[in-house]
N, C-alpha and C. Protein backbone atom coordinates (compact mmCIF):
# COMPACT_ATOMS: atom_id res chain seq x y z
N UNK A 1 0.75 -1.18 -0.14
CA UNK A 1 0.01 -0.12 0.28
C UNK A 1 1.23 1.06 0.07
N UNK A 2 0.37 2.19 -0.78
CA UNK A 2 1.43 3.41 -1.09
C UNK A 2 0.76 4.28 -0.38
N UNK A 3 1.92 5.65 0.33
CA UNK A 3 0.76 6.75 1.27
C UNK A 3 1.19 7.44 0.60
N UNK A 4 0.65 9.07 0.44
CA UNK A 4 1.75 10.50 0.00
C UNK A 4 1.44 10.86 1.02
N UNK A 5 2.84 11.57 1.25
CA UNK A 5 2.79 12.43 2.22
C UNK A 5 3.84 13.28 1.47
N UNK A 6 3.39 14.77 1.32
CA UNK A 6 3.95 15.94 0.70
C UNK A 6 4.55 15.97 -0.44
N UNK A 7 3.57 14.96 -1.39
CA UNK A 7 4.05 14.61 -2.41
C UNK A 7 4.83 13.47 -2.65
N UNK A 8 5.53 13.01 -1.91
CA UNK A 8 6.20 12.03 -1.71
C UNK A 8 5.41 10.45 -1.74
N UNK A 9 6.06 9.58 -1.81
CA UNK A 9 5.64 8.46 -2.50
C UNK A 9 6.39 7.53 -0.77
N UNK A 10 5.83 7.28 0.51
CA UNK A 10 6.68 5.82 0.76
C UNK A 10 6.17 4.68 0.87
N UNK A 11 6.50 3.63 1.32
CA UNK A 11 5.37 2.60 1.21
C UNK A 11 5.63 2.65 2.48
N UNK A 12 4.23 1.52 3.18
CA UNK A 12 3.27 1.89 4.20
C UNK A 12 3.07 0.48 4.58
N UNK A 13 3.64 -0.17 5.68
CA UNK A 13 2.69 -1.49 6.16
C UNK A 13 2.33 -1.40 7.47
N UNK A 14 1.58 -1.93 7.83
CA UNK A 14 0.88 -2.05 9.58
C UNK A 14 2.22 -2.17 9.98
N UNK A 15 2.22 -1.85 11.58
CA UNK A 15 3.49 -2.13 12.14
C UNK A 15 2.91 -3.25 13.43
N UNK A 16 1.66 -2.86 14.06
CA UNK A 16 1.31 -3.67 15.03
C UNK A 16 0.05 -4.46 14.89
N UNK A 17 -0.40 -5.20 13.95
CA UNK A 17 -1.60 -5.55 13.57
C UNK A 17 -2.08 -5.85 14.88
N UNK A 18 -3.81 -6.32 14.83
CA UNK A 18 -4.26 -7.14 16.26
C UNK A 18 -4.13 -8.39 15.65
N UNK A 19 -4.08 -9.36 16.91
CA UNK A 19 -4.29 -10.76 16.52
C UNK A 19 -5.66 -11.50 16.02
N UNK A 20 -5.85 -12.07 14.85
CA UNK A 20 -7.29 -13.46 14.72
C UNK A 20 -7.69 -13.76 15.75
N UNK A 21 -8.36 -14.89 15.26
CA UNK A 21 -9.32 -15.62 16.41
C UNK A 21 -7.95 -16.85 16.28
N UNK A 22 -7.53 -17.13 15.30
CA UNK A 22 -6.16 -18.31 15.20
C UNK A 22 -4.83 -17.76 15.78
N UNK A 23 -5.03 -16.44 16.25
CA UNK A 23 -3.67 -15.90 16.95
C UNK A 23 -2.35 -15.75 16.06
N UNK A 24 -2.86 -15.32 14.79
CA UNK A 24 -1.97 -15.19 13.65
C UNK A 24 -1.83 -13.26 13.81
N UNK A 25 -1.07 -12.86 13.13
CA UNK A 25 -1.53 -11.00 12.78
C UNK A 25 -1.27 -10.99 11.21
N UNK A 26 -2.16 -10.90 10.47
CA UNK A 26 -2.47 -10.78 9.06
C UNK A 26 -2.31 -9.31 8.76
N UNK A 27 -1.22 -9.30 7.58
CA UNK A 27 -1.46 -7.89 7.10
C UNK A 27 -2.90 -7.23 6.93
N UNK A 28 -3.14 -5.64 6.53
CA UNK A 28 -4.32 -5.35 6.12
C UNK A 28 -4.28 -5.35 4.54
N UNK A 29 -3.41 -5.87 3.66
CA UNK A 29 -3.15 -5.61 2.37
C UNK A 29 -2.50 -6.78 2.00
N UNK A 30 -3.02 -7.89 0.69
CA UNK A 30 -2.04 -8.94 0.24
C UNK A 30 -0.88 -8.19 -0.48
N UNK A 31 -0.09 -8.93 0.02
CA UNK A 31 1.65 -8.48 -0.23
C UNK A 31 2.30 -9.39 -1.05
N UNK A 32 2.58 -8.86 -3.02
CA UNK A 32 3.06 -9.68 -3.99
C UNK A 32 3.77 -10.37 -3.44
N UNK A 33 5.53 -9.72 -2.44
CA UNK A 33 6.19 -9.65 -2.40
C UNK A 33 6.57 -10.77 -1.09
N UNK A 34 5.07 -10.93 -0.57
CA UNK A 34 5.61 -11.87 0.45
C UNK A 34 5.96 -13.33 0.59
N UNK A 35 6.54 -13.89 1.25
CA UNK A 35 7.18 -15.17 0.68
C UNK A 35 6.70 -16.21 1.19
N UNK A 36 6.37 -16.97 0.22
CA UNK A 36 5.63 -18.55 -0.03
C UNK A 36 6.42 -19.67 0.58
N UNK A 37 5.61 -20.44 1.07
CA UNK A 37 6.09 -21.78 1.38
C UNK A 37 4.31 -22.60 1.03
N UNK A 38 4.47 -23.56 0.73
CA UNK A 38 3.47 -25.09 0.17
C UNK A 38 2.62 -23.89 -0.42
N UNK A 39 2.98 -23.04 -1.43
CA UNK A 39 2.35 -21.97 -2.37
C UNK A 39 1.42 -21.12 -1.65
N UNK A 40 1.64 -21.05 -0.47
CA UNK A 40 0.60 -19.93 0.08
C UNK A 40 1.19 -19.03 0.74
N UNK A 41 1.32 -17.83 0.47
CA UNK A 41 2.01 -16.53 1.71
C UNK A 41 1.99 -16.93 2.65
N UNK A 42 2.78 -16.39 3.24
CA UNK A 42 3.54 -16.69 5.07
C UNK A 42 3.27 -14.90 5.38
N UNK A 43 1.97 -15.14 6.32
CA UNK A 43 2.04 -13.61 6.80
C UNK A 43 2.53 -13.06 7.70
N UNK A 44 2.85 -11.90 7.69
CA UNK A 44 3.52 -11.52 8.61
C UNK A 44 4.10 -9.60 8.55
N UNK A 45 4.48 -9.35 9.25
CA UNK A 45 4.57 -7.54 9.93
C UNK A 45 5.56 -7.26 10.42
N UNK A 46 6.25 -5.64 10.15
CA UNK A 46 7.45 -5.35 11.28
C UNK A 46 7.21 -4.47 11.78
N UNK A 47 8.42 -5.20 13.06
CA UNK A 47 8.27 -4.22 14.20
C UNK A 47 8.13 -3.15 14.39
N UNK A 48 7.40 -2.55 15.37
CA UNK A 48 7.42 -0.75 15.43
C UNK A 48 8.67 -0.29 15.11
N UNK A 49 8.70 0.87 14.08
CA UNK A 49 9.42 1.71 14.35
C UNK A 49 11.01 0.89 13.65
N UNK A 50 10.83 -0.33 12.82
CA UNK A 50 12.03 -0.82 12.61
C UNK A 50 11.78 -1.60 11.28
N UNK A 51 13.36 -2.04 10.88
CA UNK A 51 12.45 -2.97 9.21
C UNK A 51 13.02 -4.50 9.95
N UNK A 52 12.60 -5.32 11.39
CA UNK A 52 12.80 -6.58 11.91
C UNK A 52 11.61 -7.28 11.13
N UNK A 53 11.48 -7.46 10.68
CA UNK A 53 9.98 -8.52 9.72
C UNK A 53 9.65 -9.63 11.00
N UNK A 54 8.28 -10.16 11.37
CA UNK A 54 7.45 -10.84 11.91
C UNK A 54 7.03 -11.42 11.33
N UNK A 55 7.51 -12.88 11.49
CA UNK A 55 6.63 -14.12 10.77
C UNK A 55 5.50 -14.85 11.46
N UNK A 56 4.48 -15.02 11.23
CA UNK A 56 3.67 -15.91 11.74
C UNK A 56 3.03 -16.91 10.56
N UNK A 57 3.73 -18.31 10.00
CA UNK A 57 3.34 -18.91 9.82
C UNK A 57 2.25 -19.89 10.11
N UNK A 58 1.68 -20.97 9.02
CA UNK A 58 0.70 -21.61 9.68
C UNK A 58 1.19 -22.81 9.84
N UNK A 59 0.46 -23.58 10.49
CA UNK A 59 0.75 -24.80 10.78
C UNK A 59 1.39 -25.62 10.11
N UNK A 60 1.27 -25.54 8.34
CA UNK A 60 1.80 -26.67 7.88
C UNK A 60 3.10 -26.11 7.94
N UNK A 61 2.79 -24.66 7.24
CA UNK A 61 4.26 -23.90 6.45
C UNK A 61 5.35 -24.31 7.87
N UNK A 62 4.85 -24.11 8.95
CA UNK A 62 5.92 -24.37 10.01
C UNK A 62 6.29 -25.94 9.75
N UNK A 63 5.44 -26.48 10.19
CA UNK A 63 5.94 -28.05 9.56
C UNK A 63 7.49 -28.40 8.67
N UNK A 64 7.60 -27.61 7.57
CA UNK A 64 8.45 -27.68 6.65
C UNK A 64 9.53 -26.61 6.85
N UNK A 65 9.69 -26.69 8.01
CA UNK A 65 10.74 -25.56 8.97
C UNK A 65 12.14 -24.72 7.84
N UNK A 66 12.56 -26.20 7.10
CA UNK A 66 13.71 -25.95 6.13
C UNK A 66 13.07 -24.86 5.29
N UNK A 67 11.76 -25.09 3.86
CA UNK A 67 11.64 -24.22 3.15
C UNK A 67 10.79 -23.15 3.33
N UNK A 68 10.10 -22.96 5.15
CA UNK A 68 10.16 -21.44 6.00
C UNK A 68 11.13 -21.20 5.98
N UNK A 69 12.49 -21.24 6.48
CA UNK A 69 13.73 -20.65 6.56
C UNK A 69 13.95 -20.04 5.20
N UNK A 70 14.02 -21.00 4.27
CA UNK A 70 14.25 -20.50 2.92
C UNK A 70 13.55 -18.85 2.10
N UNK A 71 12.25 -19.74 2.79
CA UNK A 71 11.69 -18.33 1.86
C UNK A 71 11.65 -17.39 2.70
N UNK A 72 11.70 -17.52 4.03
CA UNK A 72 11.75 -15.58 4.24
C UNK A 72 13.16 -14.93 4.36
N UNK A 73 14.44 -15.95 4.29
CA UNK A 73 15.82 -15.02 4.55
C UNK A 73 15.55 -14.07 3.86
N UNK A 74 15.37 -13.86 2.09
CA UNK A 74 15.87 -12.15 1.94
C UNK A 74 14.94 -11.77 2.51
N UNK A 75 14.12 -11.50 3.05
CA UNK A 75 13.52 -10.49 3.51
C UNK A 75 13.76 -10.03 5.01
N UNK A 76 14.47 -11.09 5.69
CA UNK A 76 14.91 -11.08 6.81
C UNK A 76 16.55 -10.90 7.03
N UNK A 77 17.51 -10.92 5.93
CA UNK A 77 18.31 -10.17 5.82
C UNK A 77 18.19 -8.76 5.76
N UNK A 78 17.68 -8.27 5.02
CA UNK A 78 17.54 -6.66 4.75
C UNK A 78 17.19 -6.21 6.61
N UNK A 79 16.74 -6.88 7.74
CA UNK A 79 16.51 -5.98 9.21
C UNK A 79 17.86 -7.06 10.41
N UNK A 80 18.45 -8.22 9.31
CA UNK A 80 20.12 -8.47 10.45
C UNK A 80 19.40 -10.06 10.85
N UNK A 81 17.67 -9.49 11.36
CA UNK A 81 16.90 -10.99 12.15
C UNK A 81 15.78 -10.27 11.85
N UNK A 82 15.06 -11.96 12.42
CA UNK A 82 13.75 -11.29 12.26
C UNK A 82 12.99 -12.63 13.42
N UNK A 83 11.98 -12.34 13.67
CA UNK A 83 11.07 -13.17 14.37
C UNK A 83 10.11 -13.83 13.92
N UNK A 84 10.37 -15.33 14.11
CA UNK A 84 9.07 -16.65 13.90
C UNK A 84 8.45 -16.86 15.20
N UNK A 85 6.78 -16.73 15.29
CA UNK A 85 5.61 -16.58 15.91
C UNK A 85 5.54 -18.29 15.82
N UNK A 86 5.84 -18.92 16.50
CA UNK A 86 4.69 -20.65 16.31
C UNK A 86 3.64 -20.68 16.07
N UNK A 87 2.99 -21.20 15.15
CA UNK A 87 1.38 -21.80 15.44
C UNK A 87 0.45 -21.76 16.80
N UNK A 88 -0.31 -21.39 16.65
CA UNK A 88 -0.81 -21.43 18.52
C UNK A 88 -0.79 -22.84 18.75
N UNK A 89 -1.17 -24.34 18.38
CA UNK A 89 -1.22 -25.50 18.39
C UNK A 89 0.49 -25.87 18.36
N UNK A 90 1.22 -25.51 18.06
CA UNK A 90 2.45 -26.04 18.13
C UNK A 90 2.71 -25.61 19.12
N UNK A 91 2.18 -24.11 20.05
CA UNK A 91 2.96 -23.97 20.80
C UNK A 91 1.82 -24.76 21.98
N UNK A 92 0.90 -24.94 22.22
CA UNK A 92 0.07 -25.51 23.18
C UNK A 92 0.60 -27.56 23.47
N UNK A 93 0.98 -27.98 21.93
CA UNK A 93 1.13 -29.47 22.49
C UNK A 93 2.78 -29.17 22.67
N UNK A 94 3.42 -28.31 22.41
CA UNK A 94 4.57 -28.41 22.96
C UNK A 94 4.96 -28.14 24.89
N UNK A 95 3.78 -27.06 24.86
CA UNK A 95 3.82 -27.03 26.38
C UNK A 95 2.98 -28.14 27.03
N UNK A 96 2.29 -28.96 26.47
CA UNK A 96 1.24 -30.03 27.07
C UNK A 96 2.89 -30.96 27.44
N UNK A 97 3.48 -31.50 25.95
CA UNK A 97 4.73 -32.08 25.99
C UNK A 97 5.64 -31.69 27.14
N UNK A 98 5.92 -31.08 27.14
CA UNK A 98 7.15 -30.51 28.08
C UNK A 98 6.21 -30.56 29.76
N UNK A 99 5.13 -30.54 29.69
CA UNK A 99 4.80 -30.98 31.35
C UNK A 99 4.42 -31.79 31.68
N UNK A 100 4.53 -33.10 30.58
CA UNK A 100 5.00 -34.49 30.89
C UNK A 100 5.92 -34.71 31.42
N UNK A 101 6.92 -34.41 30.42
CA UNK A 101 8.36 -34.37 30.51
C UNK A 101 9.22 -34.17 32.36
N UNK A 102 8.41 -32.79 32.27
CA UNK A 102 9.29 -32.29 33.29
C UNK A 102 8.30 -32.91 34.72
N UNK A 103 7.37 -33.60 35.16
CA UNK A 103 6.63 -34.51 36.08
C UNK A 103 7.13 -35.45 36.41
N UNK A 104 7.68 -36.05 34.79
CA UNK A 104 7.94 -37.22 35.20
C UNK A 104 9.09 -37.41 36.71
N UNK A 105 8.89 -39.05 37.92
CA UNK A 105 9.73 -39.14 38.63
C UNK A 105 11.06 -39.03 38.40
N UNK A 106 11.26 -39.87 37.10
CA UNK A 106 12.63 -39.97 37.10
C UNK A 106 13.54 -39.41 36.70
N UNK A 107 12.64 -37.90 36.07
CA UNK A 107 13.70 -36.54 35.27
C UNK A 107 14.42 -36.51 36.63
N UNK A 108 15.61 -35.85 35.70
CA UNK A 108 16.66 -35.60 36.80
C UNK A 108 17.07 -34.63 37.27
N UNK A 109 17.29 -34.10 38.71
CA UNK A 109 17.43 -33.32 39.37
C UNK A 109 18.51 -32.31 39.15
N UNK A 110 18.17 -30.99 38.40
CA UNK A 110 19.71 -30.66 38.26
C UNK A 110 20.06 -29.67 39.41
N UNK A 111 21.36 -29.45 39.41
CA UNK A 111 22.55 -28.63 40.17
C UNK A 111 23.04 -28.06 39.47
N UNK A 112 22.77 -26.86 39.90
CA UNK A 112 24.14 -25.56 39.42
C UNK A 112 25.72 -26.04 39.75
N UNK A 113 26.29 -25.90 38.88
CA UNK A 113 27.91 -26.45 39.11
C UNK A 113 28.23 -25.27 40.21
N UNK A 114 29.05 -25.40 41.50
CA UNK A 114 29.56 -24.32 42.05
C UNK A 114 31.03 -24.25 41.52
N UNK A 115 31.71 -23.35 41.37
CA UNK A 115 32.79 -22.58 41.36
C UNK A 115 33.91 -22.14 42.13
N UNK A 116 34.66 -22.71 42.18
CA UNK A 116 36.20 -21.96 43.26
C UNK A 116 37.28 -21.76 42.64
N UNK A 117 37.65 -20.11 42.49
CA UNK A 117 38.84 -20.08 41.66
C UNK A 117 40.03 -19.67 43.13
N UNK A 118 41.12 -20.04 42.91
CA UNK A 118 42.15 -19.89 43.77
C UNK A 118 43.55 -19.48 43.32
N UNK A 119 44.57 -18.42 43.63
CA UNK A 119 45.15 -18.14 43.24
C UNK A 119 45.38 -16.62 43.00
N UNK A 120 47.24 -16.43 42.28
CA UNK A 120 47.07 -14.83 42.75
C UNK A 120 48.47 -14.94 41.52
N UNK A 121 48.66 -13.56 41.35
CA UNK A 121 50.28 -13.67 40.23
C UNK A 121 50.02 -14.42 38.70
N UNK A 122 48.50 -14.01 38.35
CA UNK A 122 48.42 -14.97 37.50
C UNK A 122 48.13 -16.18 36.83
N UNK A 123 48.54 -16.89 38.07
CA UNK A 123 48.21 -18.64 38.05
C UNK A 123 47.12 -18.56 38.87
N UNK A 124 46.27 -19.45 38.00
CA UNK A 124 44.55 -19.54 38.86
C UNK A 124 44.11 -21.19 38.77
N UNK A 125 43.88 -21.70 39.40
CA UNK A 125 43.08 -22.75 39.60
C UNK A 125 41.47 -22.81 39.45
N UNK A 126 41.22 -23.48 38.76
CA UNK A 126 39.30 -23.39 38.95
C UNK A 126 39.11 -24.70 39.90
N UNK A 127 38.01 -24.83 40.29
CA UNK A 127 37.52 -26.06 40.68
C UNK A 127 36.11 -26.32 41.15
N UNK A 128 35.49 -27.31 40.30
CA UNK A 128 34.13 -26.86 39.98
C UNK A 128 33.33 -28.10 41.33
N UNK A 129 32.63 -28.00 42.14
CA UNK A 129 31.98 -28.91 43.45
C UNK A 129 31.54 -29.65 42.77
């Protein structure tokens, strides 16, 4: 979508559209330059006041992650970084599986490593307890 500003033509993209019922953030207008995965465009928007794209793929597009990354790479390289928001169904499945693993009795109890350093004059010894 092009916007007129004092005679200049600038590209205008929505910065933070509201989420729809599926939890994705659709663009206000179709983008012919949007990356396509599995024959469908990947929905995206730009983080406010930046060139950082935020992608919201469908579950099918997210399932072919290698193709998704290959499709969004040209757009993501412009900002130097990008964000991919996984589909809601994938996040709820991950949370369900994580809770099952964390609640098992045989899950190992993690203890942080305690490190002690002794020495002087540039010679130090490290002890992990």
